[in-house]
Amino acid sequence: MTTITVFQSADGIYKRVLCEGHAGFAQAGADIVCAAVSILVLNTVNSIEKFGGQRFLCSVEEEKGTVCLEMTEDPTKETKLLLDSMLLGLNGIREQYGKQYVKLEFKEV
């Protein structure tokens, strides 16, 4: 299962997004759920870098299937929109393919 944990302040400001694990929908190389999640998450990171006007930290561990995006300052309007869009897409994948493959959780920090 891929777990995406969104860390937000009490007033809903994005602080960190952690994506962990492999979906397990199919074997490695054929797992369309894992590929879809990876594309959404990595494209969002790339889009924030290019269009968001945002400083952030990002780490990726391919073997573990981990991507961690951490805001070093409050998100810009563009960054918030990009993260909202990513979560919309991830929720769509979760609903389409099943909650046993993609888990979305939100934590207050």
Protein backbone atom coordinates (compact mmCIF):
# COMPACT_ATOMS: atom_id res chain seq x y z
CA MET A 1 0.00 0.00 0.00
CA THR A 2 1.07 3.54 -0.73
CA THR A 3 0.39 5.91 2.14
CA ILE A 4 0.30 9.64 1.59
CA THR A 5 0.42 11.62 4.80
CA VAL A 6 -0.33 15.33 4.62
CA PHE A 7 0.89 17.38 7.57
CA GLN A 8 -0.98 20.66 8.05
CA SER A 9 -1.15 23.37 10.67
CA ALA A 10 -4.35 23.85 12.69
CA ASP A 11 -5.48 26.43 10.13
CA GLY A 12 -4.90 24.07 7.18
CA ILE A 13 -1.54 25.35 5.92
CA TYR A 14 0.47 22.63 4.20
CA LYS A 15 3.73 21.86 6.01
CA ARG A 16 4.85 18.48 4.66
CA VAL A 17 3.70 15.68 2.38
CA LEU A 18 5.11 12.19 2.84
CA CYS A 19 4.44 9.48 0.27
CA GLU A 20 5.60 6.01 1.32
CA GLY A 21 5.48 2.48 -0.01
CA HIS A 22 4.48 0.65 -3.15
CA ALA A 23 0.83 0.17 -4.02
CA GLY A 24 1.03 -3.59 -4.59
CA PHE A 25 -1.63 -3.53 -7.32
CA ALA A 26 0.62 -5.54 -9.65
CA GLN A 27 4.23 -6.67 -9.93
CA ALA A 28 6.97 -4.05 -10.10
CA GLY A 29 7.12 -2.55 -13.57
CA ALA A 30 3.44 -3.28 -14.22
CA ASP A 31 1.85 -1.55 -11.23
CA ILE A 32 -0.29 1.18 -12.79
CA VAL A 33 -1.49 2.43 -9.41
CA CYS A 34 2.05 2.94 -8.15
CA ALA A 35 2.99 4.61 -11.44
CA ALA A 36 0.00 6.96 -11.29
CA VAL A 37 0.74 7.97 -7.69
CA SER A 38 4.41 8.50 -8.49
CA ILE A 39 3.63 10.64 -11.53
CA LEU A 40 1.21 12.84 -9.59
CA VAL A 41 3.53 13.34 -6.64
CA LEU A 42 6.71 13.93 -8.64
CA ASN A 43 4.97 16.20 -11.15
CA THR A 44 3.61 18.24 -8.26
CA VAL A 45 7.09 18.62 -6.78
CA ASN A 46 8.46 19.66 -10.20
CA SER A 47 5.55 22.06 -10.73
CA ILE A 48 6.04 23.70 -7.33
CA GLU A 49 9.70 24.19 -8.18
CA LYS A 50 8.94 25.69 -11.59
CA PHE A 51 5.68 27.57 -11.03
CA GLY A 52 5.10 27.84 -7.30
CA GLY A 53 7.68 30.44 -6.37
CA GLN A 54 8.28 28.27 -3.34
CA ARG A 55 11.29 27.21 -1.32
CA PHE A 56 11.08 23.64 -0.08
CA LEU A 57 13.07 20.52 0.71
CA CYS A 58 12.50 17.25 -1.10
CA SER A 59 13.99 13.80 -0.64
CA VAL A 60 13.37 10.67 -2.70
CA GLU A 61 14.26 7.06 -1.92
CA GLU A 62 13.32 5.00 -4.97
CA GLU A 63 13.92 1.59 -3.41
CA LYS A 64 11.57 2.33 -0.51
CA GLY A 65 9.12 4.25 -2.67
CA THR A 66 9.42 7.34 -0.51
CA VAL A 67 9.02 11.00 -1.45
CA CYS A 68 9.06 13.68 1.25
CA LEU A 69 8.18 17.27 0.38
CA GLU A 70 8.71 19.75 3.20
CA MET A 71 7.80 23.42 3.07
CA THR A 72 10.48 25.72 4.46
CA GLU A 73 8.02 28.63 4.42
CA ASP A 74 4.25 29.00 4.15
CA PRO A 75 3.02 27.85 0.74
CA THR A 76 2.34 30.41 -1.94
CA LYS A 77 -1.11 30.56 -3.51
CA GLU A 78 0.26 28.64 -6.51
CA THR A 79 1.82 25.95 -4.32
CA LYS A 80 -1.43 25.48 -2.41
CA LEU A 81 -3.33 25.08 -5.68
CA LEU A 82 -0.80 22.52 -6.94
CA LEU A 83 -1.00 20.51 -3.70
CA ASP A 84 -4.81 20.67 -3.72
CA SER A 85 -4.76 19.38 -7.29
CA MET A 86 -2.37 16.55 -6.38
CA LEU A 87 -4.65 15.47 -3.53
CA LEU A 88 -7.67 15.56 -5.83
CA GLY A 89 -5.86 13.23 -8.24
CA LEU A 90 -4.64 10.91 -5.48
CA ASN A 91 -8.13 10.65 -4.04
CA GLY A 92 -9.42 9.82 -7.52
CA ILE A 93 -6.90 6.98 -7.85
CA ARG A 94 -7.87 5.74 -4.39
CA GLU A 95 -11.56 5.71 -5.28
CA GLN A 96 -10.98 4.13 -8.70
CA TYR A 97 -8.62 1.32 -7.66
CA GLY A 98 -9.38 0.79 -4.01
CA LYS A 99 -8.45 1.86 -0.53
CA GLN A 100 -6.29 -1.22 -0.11
CA TYR A 101 -3.74 0.30 -2.53
CA VAL A 102 -3.73 4.01 -1.64
CA LYS A 103 -4.25 5.54 1.79
CA LEU A 104 -4.60 9.29 2.36
CA GLU A 105 -4.20 10.58 5.88
CA PHE A 106 -4.05 14.07 7.33
CA LYS A 107 -2.19 15.04 10.49
CA GLU A 108 -2.11 18.33 12.35
CA VAL A 109 1.30 19.68 13.29
